[in-house]
PDB file of N, CA and C in Angstrom:
ATOM      1  N   MET A   1       0.852  -1.188   0.000  1.00  0.00           N
ATOM      2  CA  MET A   1       0.000   0.000   0.000  1.00  0.00           C
ATOM      3  C   MET A   1       0.893   1.244   0.000  1.00  0.00           C
ATOM      4  N   THR A   2       0.633   2.138  -0.924  1.00  0.00           N
ATOM      5  CA  THR A   2       1.391   3.383  -0.973  1.00  0.00           C
ATOM      6  C   THR A   2       0.620   4.461  -0.249  1.00  0.00           C
ATOM      7  N   GLU A   3       1.292   5.586  -0.012  1.00  0.00           N
ATOM      8  CA  GLU A   3       0.642   6.688   0.698  1.00  0.00           C
ATOM      9  C   GLU A   3      -0.586   7.183  -0.048  1.00  0.00           C
ATOM     10  N   SER A   4      -0.558   7.130  -1.393  1.00  0.00           N
ATOM     11  CA  SER A   4      -1.709   7.606  -2.158  1.00  0.00           C
ATOM     12  C   SER A   4      -2.921   6.693  -1.991  1.00  0.00           C
ATOM     13  N   ASP A   5      -2.710   5.451  -1.529  1.00  0.00           N
ATOM     14  CA  ASP A   5      -3.812   4.521  -1.293  1.00  0.00           C
ATOM     15  C   ASP A   5      -4.449   4.708   0.084  1.00  0.00           C
ATOM     16  N   ILE A   6      -3.822   5.483   0.948  1.00  0.00           N
ATOM     17  CA  ILE A   6      -4.296   5.682   2.314  1.00  0.00           C
ATOM     18  C   ILE A   6      -5.275   6.849   2.334  1.00  0.00           C
ATOM     19  N   PRO A   7      -6.433   6.688   2.976  1.00  0.00           N
ATOM     20  CA  PRO A   7      -7.374   7.812   3.062  1.00  0.00           C
ATOM     21  C   PRO A   7      -6.709   9.033   3.704  1.00  0.00           C
ATOM     22  N   PRO A   8      -7.051  10.250   3.218  1.00  0.00           N
ATOM     23  CA  PRO A   8      -6.416  11.468   3.721  1.00  0.00           C
ATOM     24  C   PRO A   8      -6.458  11.609   5.238  1.00  0.00           C
ATOM     25  N   SER A   9      -7.516  11.140   5.888  1.00  0.00           N
ATOM     26  CA  SER A   9      -7.607  11.297   7.339  1.00  0.00           C
ATOM     27  C   SER A   9      -6.564  10.466   8.068  1.00  0.00           C
ATOM     28  N   ASP A  10      -6.015   9.443   7.389  1.00  0.00           N
ATOM     29  CA  ASP A  10      -5.023   8.580   8.021  1.00  0.00           C
ATOM     30  C   ASP A  10      -3.587   8.982   7.707  1.00  0.00           C
ATOM     31  N   VAL A  11      -3.417   9.906   6.779  1.00  0.00           N
ATOM     32  CA  VAL A  11      -2.077  10.341   6.400  1.00  0.00           C
ATOM     33  C   VAL A  11      -1.573  11.347   7.428  1.00  0.00           C
ATOM     34  N   ASP A  12      -0.351  11.111   7.913  1.00  0.00           N
ATOM     35  CA  ASP A  12       0.228  12.030   8.888  1.00  0.00           C
ATOM     36  C   ASP A  12       0.395  13.416   8.284  1.00  0.00           C
ATOM     37  N   HIS A  13       0.095  14.416   9.050  1.00  0.00           N
ATOM     38  CA  HIS A  13       0.371  15.781   8.635  1.00  0.00           C
ATOM     39  C   HIS A  13       1.879  15.989   8.683  1.00  0.00           C
ATOM     40  N   ASP A  14       2.369  16.871   7.852  1.00  0.00           N
ATOM     41  CA  ASP A  14       3.813  17.099   7.776  1.00  0.00           C
ATOM     42  C   ASP A  14       4.421  17.392   9.142  1.00  0.00           C
ATOM     43  N   GLN A  15       3.779  18.238   9.922  1.00  0.00           N
ATOM     44  CA  GLN A  15       4.349  18.614  11.212  1.00  0.00           C
ATOM     45  C   GLN A  15       4.426  17.408  12.153  1.00  0.00           C
ATOM     46  N   ASP A  16       3.453  16.510  12.059  1.00  0.00           N
ATOM     47  CA  ASP A  16       3.494  15.292  12.867  1.00  0.00           C
ATOM     48  C   ASP A  16       4.670  14.414  12.461  1.00  0.00           C
ATOM     49  N   VAL A  17       4.894  14.287  11.173  1.00  0.00           N
ATOM     50  CA  VAL A  17       6.016  13.493  10.677  1.00  0.00           C
ATOM     51  C   VAL A  17       7.327  14.123  11.134  1.00  0.00           C
ATOM     52  N   ILE A  18       7.424  15.431  11.020  1.00  0.00           N
ATOM     53  CA  ILE A  18       8.638  16.132  11.441  1.00  0.00           C
ATOM     54  C   ILE A  18       8.888  15.908  12.928  1.00  0.00           C
ATOM     55  N   SER A  19       7.847  15.976  13.724  1.00  0.00           N
ATOM     56  CA  SER A  19       7.986  15.739  15.169  1.00  0.00           C
ATOM     57  C   SER A  19       8.492  14.333  15.437  1.00  0.00           C
ATOM     58  N   ARG A  20       7.997  13.360  14.696  1.00  0.00           N
ATOM     59  CA  ARG A  20       8.461  11.981  14.868  1.00  0.00           C
ATOM     60  C   ARG A  20       9.933  11.840  14.523  1.00  0.00           C
ATOM     61  N   VAL A  21      10.358  12.486  13.434  1.00  0.00           N
ATOM     62  CA  VAL A  21      11.767  12.418  13.040  1.00  0.00           C
ATOM     63  C   VAL A  21      12.636  13.066  14.119  1.00  0.00           C
ATOM     64  N   LEU A  22      12.214  14.234  14.587  1.00  0.00           N
ATOM     65  CA  LEU A  22      12.990  14.944  15.612  1.00  0.00           C
ATOM     66  C   LEU A  22      13.029  14.170  16.930  1.00  0.00           C
ATOM     67  N   ALA A  23      12.034  13.316  17.161  1.00  0.00           N
ATOM     68  CA  ALA A  23      11.994  12.494  18.374  1.00  0.00           C
ATOM     69  C   ALA A  23      12.854  11.235  18.228  1.00  0.00           C
ATOM     70  N   GLY A  24      13.474  11.065  17.079  1.00  0.00           N
ATOM     71  CA  GLY A  24      14.377   9.942  16.890  1.00  0.00           C
ATOM     72  C   GLY A  24      13.905   8.878  15.921  1.00  0.00           C
ATOM     73  N   GLU A  25      12.708   9.019  15.396  1.00  0.00           N
ATOM     74  CA  GLU A  25      12.167   8.040  14.451  1.00  0.00           C
ATOM     75  C   GLU A  25      12.598   8.434  13.037  1.00  0.00           C
ATOM     76  N   ARG A  26      13.859   8.207  12.730  1.00  0.00           N
ATOM     77  CA  ARG A  26      14.438   8.666  11.466  1.00  0.00           C
ATOM     78  C   ARG A  26      13.737   8.105  10.237  1.00  0.00           C
ATOM     79  N   ASP A  27      13.219   6.882  10.341  1.00  0.00           N
ATOM     80  CA  ASP A  27      12.554   6.272   9.188  1.00  0.00           C
ATOM     81  C   ASP A  27      11.296   7.032   8.767  1.00  0.00           C
ATOM     82  N   ALA A  28      10.731   7.826   9.656  1.00  0.00           N
ATOM     83  CA  ALA A  28       9.532   8.597   9.323  1.00  0.00           C
ATOM     84  C   ALA A  28       9.813   9.625   8.228  1.00  0.00           C
ATOM     85  N   PHE A  29      11.064  10.023   8.064  1.00  0.00           N
ATOM     86  CA  PHE A  29      11.417  10.993   7.022  1.00  0.00           C
ATOM     87  C   PHE A  29      11.063  10.451   5.639  1.00  0.00           C
ATOM     88  N   ALA A  30      11.033   9.126   5.505  1.00  0.00           N
ATOM     89  CA  ALA A  30      10.670   8.513   4.225  1.00  0.00           C
ATOM     90  C   ALA A  30       9.256   8.908   3.793  1.00  0.00           C
ATOM     91  N   LEU A  31       8.380   9.194   4.755  1.00  0.00           N
ATOM     92  CA  LEU A  31       7.032   9.667   4.407  1.00  0.00           C
ATOM     93  C   LEU A  31       7.095  10.990   3.655  1.00  0.00           C
ATOM     94  N   LEU A  32       7.947  11.895   4.125  1.00  0.00           N
ATOM     95  CA  LEU A  32       8.080  13.192   3.451  1.00  0.00           C
ATOM     96  C   LEU A  32       8.743  13.031   2.081  1.00  0.00           C
ATOM     97  N   ILE A  33       9.718  12.144   2.005  1.00  0.00           N
ATOM     98  CA  ILE A  33      10.366  11.895   0.720  1.00  0.00           C
ATOM     99  C   ILE A  33       9.340  11.362  -0.274  1.00  0.00           C
ATOM    100  N   GLY A  34       8.535  10.398   0.158  1.00  0.00           N
ATOM    101  CA  GLY A  34       7.516   9.836  -0.717  1.00  0.00           C
ATOM    102  C   GLY A  34       6.472  10.855  -1.129  1.00  0.00           C
ATOM    103  N   ARG A  35       6.153  11.742  -0.221  1.00  0.00           N
ATOM    104  CA  ARG A  35       5.117  12.745  -0.448  1.00  0.00           C
ATOM    105  C   ARG A  35       5.581  13.839  -1.416  1.00  0.00           C
ATOM    106  N   TYR A  36       6.846  14.199  -1.364  1.00  0.00           N
ATOM    107  CA  TYR A  36       7.309  15.376  -2.111  1.00  0.00           C
ATOM    108  C   TYR A  36       8.309  15.095  -3.227  1.00  0.00           C
ATOM    109  N   SER A  37       8.765  13.856  -3.390  1.00  0.00           N
ATOM    110  CA  SER A  37       9.760  13.561  -4.426  1.00  0.00           C
ATOM    111  C   SER A  37       9.282  13.917  -5.825  1.00  0.00           C
ATOM    112  N   ASP A  38       8.088  13.443  -6.194  1.00  0.00           N
ATOM    113  CA  ASP A  38       7.615  13.677  -7.561  1.00  0.00           C
ATOM    114  C   ASP A  38       7.453  15.160  -7.891  1.00  0.00           C
ATOM    115  N   PRO A  39       6.736  15.939  -7.052  1.00  0.00           N
ATOM    116  CA  PRO A  39       6.582  17.349  -7.435  1.00  0.00           C
ATOM    117  C   PRO A  39       7.914  18.115  -7.428  1.00  0.00           C
ATOM    118  N   LEU A  40       8.806  17.798  -6.501  1.00  0.00           N
ATOM    119  CA  LEU A  40      10.101  18.484  -6.472  1.00  0.00           C
ATOM    120  C   LEU A  40      10.956  18.095  -7.673  1.00  0.00           C
ATOM    121  N   TYR A  41      10.917  16.808  -8.017  1.00  0.00           N
ATOM    122  CA  TYR A  41      11.673  16.361  -9.182  1.00  0.00           C
ATOM    123  C   TYR A  41      11.165  17.041 -10.451  1.00  0.00           C
ATOM    124  N   ARG A  42       9.845  17.056 -10.630  1.00  0.00           N
ATOM    125  CA  ARG A  42       9.277  17.702 -11.822  1.00  0.00           C
ATOM    126  C   ARG A  42       9.653  19.179 -11.897  1.00  0.00           C
ATOM    127  N   HIS A  43       9.638  19.836 -10.751  1.00  0.00           N
ATOM    128  CA  HIS A  43      10.014  21.252 -10.720  1.00  0.00           C
ATOM    129  C   HIS A  43      11.485  21.422 -11.108  1.00  0.00           C
ATOM    130  N   ALA A  44      12.359  20.615 -10.512  1.00  0.00           N
ATOM    131  CA  ALA A  44      13.788  20.705 -10.826  1.00  0.00           C
ATOM    132  C   ALA A  44      14.049  20.356 -12.287  1.00  0.00           C
ATOM    133  N   LEU A  45      13.350  19.369 -12.796  1.00  0.00           N
ATOM    134  CA  LEU A  45      13.522  18.992 -14.204  1.00  0.00           C
ATOM    135  C   LEU A  45      13.066  20.121 -15.124  1.00  0.00           C
ATOM    136  N   GLY A  46      11.961  20.751 -14.777  1.00  0.00           N
ATOM    137  CA  GLY A  46      11.493  21.883 -15.571  1.00  0.00           C
ATOM    138  C   GLY A  46      12.468  23.046 -15.558  1.00  0.00           C
ATOM    139  N   MET A  47      13.128  23.251 -14.432  1.00  0.00           N
ATOM    140  CA  MET A  47      14.093  24.345 -14.325  1.00  0.00           C
ATOM    141  C   MET A  47      15.384  24.050 -15.079  1.00  0.00           C
ATOM    142  N   THR A  48      15.820  22.787 -15.058  1.00  0.00           N
ATOM    143  CA  THR A  48      17.136  22.457 -15.605  1.00  0.00           C
ATOM    144  C   THR A  48      17.084  21.770 -16.964  1.00  0.00           C
ATOM    145  N   GLY A  49      16.007  21.022 -17.224  1.00  0.00           N
ATOM    146  CA  GLY A  49      15.926  20.261 -18.460  1.00  0.00           C
ATOM    147  C   GLY A  49      16.786  19.005 -18.455  1.00  0.00           C
ATOM    148  N   SER A  50      17.424  18.708 -17.344  1.00  0.00           N
ATOM    149  CA  SER A  50      18.324  17.563 -17.250  1.00  0.00           C
ATOM    150  C   SER A  50      17.866  16.618 -16.143  1.00  0.00           C
ATOM    151  N   PRO A  51      17.531  15.380 -16.480  1.00  0.00           N
ATOM    152  CA  PRO A  51      17.141  14.419 -15.447  1.00  0.00           C
ATOM    153  C   PRO A  51      18.239  14.189 -14.400  1.00  0.00           C
ATOM    154  N   ASP A  52      19.486  14.144 -14.837  1.00  0.00           N
ATOM    155  CA  ASP A  52      20.590  13.925 -13.892  1.00  0.00           C
ATOM    156  C   ASP A  52      20.727  15.086 -12.914  1.00  0.00           C
ATOM    157  N   VAL A  53      20.657  16.296 -13.427  1.00  0.00           N
ATOM    158  CA  VAL A  53      20.774  17.472 -12.556  1.00  0.00           C
ATOM    159  C   VAL A  53      19.557  17.556 -11.638  1.00  0.00           C
ATOM    160  N   ALA A  54      18.380  17.227 -12.151  1.00  0.00           N
ATOM    161  CA  ALA A  54      17.175  17.239 -11.322  1.00  0.00           C
ATOM    162  C   ALA A  54      17.293  16.246 -10.173  1.00  0.00           C
ATOM    163  N   GLU A  55      17.830  15.054 -10.436  1.00  0.00           N
ATOM    164  CA  GLU A  55      18.055  14.064  -9.379  1.00  0.00           C
ATOM    165  C   GLU A  55      19.026  14.594  -8.331  1.00  0.00           C
ATOM    166  N   ASP A  56      20.095  15.240  -8.772  1.00  0.00           N
ATOM    167  CA  ASP A  56      21.071  15.819  -7.838  1.00  0.00           C
ATOM    168  C   ASP A  56      20.422  16.890  -6.966  1.00  0.00           C
ATOM    169  N   ILE A  57      19.621  17.728  -7.578  1.00  0.00           N
ATOM    170  CA  ILE A  57      18.924  18.787  -6.831  1.00  0.00           C
ATOM    171  C   ILE A  57      17.979  18.168  -5.816  1.00  0.00           C
ATOM    172  N   LEU A  58      17.256  17.140  -6.230  1.00  0.00           N
ATOM    173  CA  LEU A  58      16.320  16.466  -5.332  1.00  0.00           C
ATOM    174  C   LEU A  58      17.047  15.877  -4.124  1.00  0.00           C
ATOM    175  N   GLN A  59      18.139  15.182  -4.375  1.00  0.00           N
ATOM    176  CA  GLN A  59      18.908  14.573  -3.294  1.00  0.00           C
ATOM    177  C   GLN A  59      19.455  15.638  -2.347  1.00  0.00           C
ATOM    178  N   THR A  60      20.035  16.670  -2.889  1.00  0.00           N
ATOM    179  CA  THR A  60      20.585  17.753  -2.067  1.00  0.00           C
ATOM    180  C   THR A  60      19.489  18.435  -1.255  1.00  0.00           C
ATOM    181  N   SER A  61      18.335  18.627  -1.875  1.00  0.00           N
ATOM    182  CA  SER A  61      17.215  19.278  -1.181  1.00  0.00           C
ATOM    183  C   SER A  61      16.749  18.463   0.014  1.00  0.00           C
ATOM    184  N   PHE A  62      16.627  17.156  -0.149  1.00  0.00           N
ATOM    185  CA  PHE A  62      16.184  16.320   0.963  1.00  0.00           C
ATOM    186  C   PHE A  62      17.234  16.223   2.068  1.00  0.00           C
ATOM    187  N   ILE A  63      18.489  16.215   1.700  1.00  0.00           N
ATOM    188  CA  ILE A  63      19.547  16.215   2.720  1.00  0.00           C
ATOM    189  C   ILE A  63      19.490  17.504   3.530  1.00  0.00           C
ATOM    190  N   LYS A  64      19.372  18.637   2.848  1.00  0.00           N
ATOM    191  CA  LYS A  64      19.284  19.923   3.551  1.00  0.00           C
ATOM    192  C   LYS A  64      18.019  19.997   4.397  1.00  0.00           C
ATOM    193  N   ALA A  65      16.903  19.513   3.860  1.00  0.00           N
ATOM    194  CA  ALA A  65      15.651  19.521   4.622  1.00  0.00           C
ATOM    195  C   ALA A  65      15.794  18.698   5.891  1.00  0.00           C
ATOM    196  N   TYR A  66      16.414  17.540   5.789  1.00  0.00           N
ATOM    197  CA  TYR A  66      16.597  16.676   6.955  1.00  0.00           C
ATOM    198  C   TYR A  66      17.417  17.391   8.026  1.00  0.00           C
ATOM    199  N   HIS A  67      18.485  18.034   7.608  1.00  0.00           N
ATOM    200  CA  HIS A  67      19.362  18.725   8.563  1.00  0.00           C
ATOM    201  C   HIS A  67      18.719  19.946   9.204  1.00  0.00           C
ATOM    202  N   HIS A  68      17.684  20.485   8.584  1.00  0.00           N
ATOM    203  CA  HIS A  68      17.048  21.704   9.090  1.00  0.00           C
ATOM    204  C   HIS A  68      15.599  21.489   9.545  1.00  0.00           C
ATOM    205  N   LEU A  69      15.209  20.245   9.804  1.00  0.00           N
ATOM    206  CA  LEU A  69      13.827  19.966  10.199  1.00  0.00           C
ATOM    207  C   LEU A  69      13.407  20.718  11.455  1.00  0.00           C
ATOM    208  N   GLY A  70      14.323  20.921  12.382  1.00  0.00           N
ATOM    209  CA  GLY A  70      13.994  21.615  13.624  1.00  0.00           C
ATOM    210  C   GLY A  70      13.597  23.060  13.420  1.00  0.00           C
ATOM    211  N   GLU A  71      13.860  23.605  12.247  1.00  0.00           N
ATOM    212  CA  GLU A  71      13.550  25.000  11.958  1.00  0.00           C
ATOM    213  C   GLU A  71      12.183  25.166  11.284  1.00  0.00           C
ATOM    214  N   VAL A  72      11.538  24.070  10.907  1.00  0.00           N
ATOM    215  CA  VAL A  72      10.259  24.130  10.203  1.00  0.00           C
ATOM    216  C   VAL A  72       9.157  24.482  11.192  1.00  0.00           C
ATOM    217  N   ARG A  73       8.389  25.508  10.889  1.00  0.00           N
ATOM    218  CA  ARG A  73       7.332  25.978  11.778  1.00  0.00           C
ATOM    219  C   ARG A  73       5.945  25.897  11.156  1.00  0.00           C
ATOM    220  N   ALA A  74       5.874  25.534   9.888  1.00  0.00           N
ATOM    221  CA  ALA A  74       4.573  25.468   9.207  1.00  0.00           C
ATOM    222  C   ALA A  74       4.551  24.251   8.308  1.00  0.00           C
ATOM    223  N   ALA A  75       3.376  23.882   7.877  1.00  0.00           N
ATOM    224  CA  ALA A  75       3.232  22.755   6.967  1.00  0.00           C
ATOM    225  C   ALA A  75       3.685  23.146   5.574  1.00  0.00           C
ATOM    226  N   PHE A  76       4.093  22.160   4.830  1.00  0.00           N
ATOM    227  CA  PHE A  76       4.429  22.377   3.437  1.00  0.00           C
ATOM    228  C   PHE A  76       3.127  22.522   2.659  1.00  0.00           C
ATOM    229  N   PRO A  77       3.167  23.219   1.544  1.00  0.00           N
ATOM    230  CA  PRO A  77       1.935  23.324   0.760  1.00  0.00           C
ATOM    231  C   PRO A  77       1.568  21.961   0.199  1.00  0.00           C
ATOM    232  N   PRO A  78       0.286  21.707  -0.021  1.00  0.00           N
ATOM    233  CA  PRO A  78      -0.126  20.415  -0.563  1.00  0.00           C
ATOM    234  C   PRO A  78       0.429  20.212  -1.961  1.00  0.00           C
ATOM    235  N   SER A  79       0.690  18.959  -2.293  1.00  0.00           N
ATOM    236  CA  SER A  79       1.239  18.659  -3.622  1.00  0.00           C
ATOM    237  C   SER A  79       0.158  18.409  -4.634  1.00  0.00           C
TER     238      SER A  79
END
């Protein structure tokens, strides 16, 4: 079952997922990766025109996001 198969009421809100990661549940970050990979990749691909560069941007973005999760104060916009 993928996240898109789960009813919206059962999907963790971004802030809840972030709280879980900050509490030590590192695997919860995979929920955010699954939720935002496609739209971020498409955006990066549209900006660069290069699948390889878009993948690099995506990877770098998630690494930076992980390192700065404690600074997030609001939910991400819906995808």
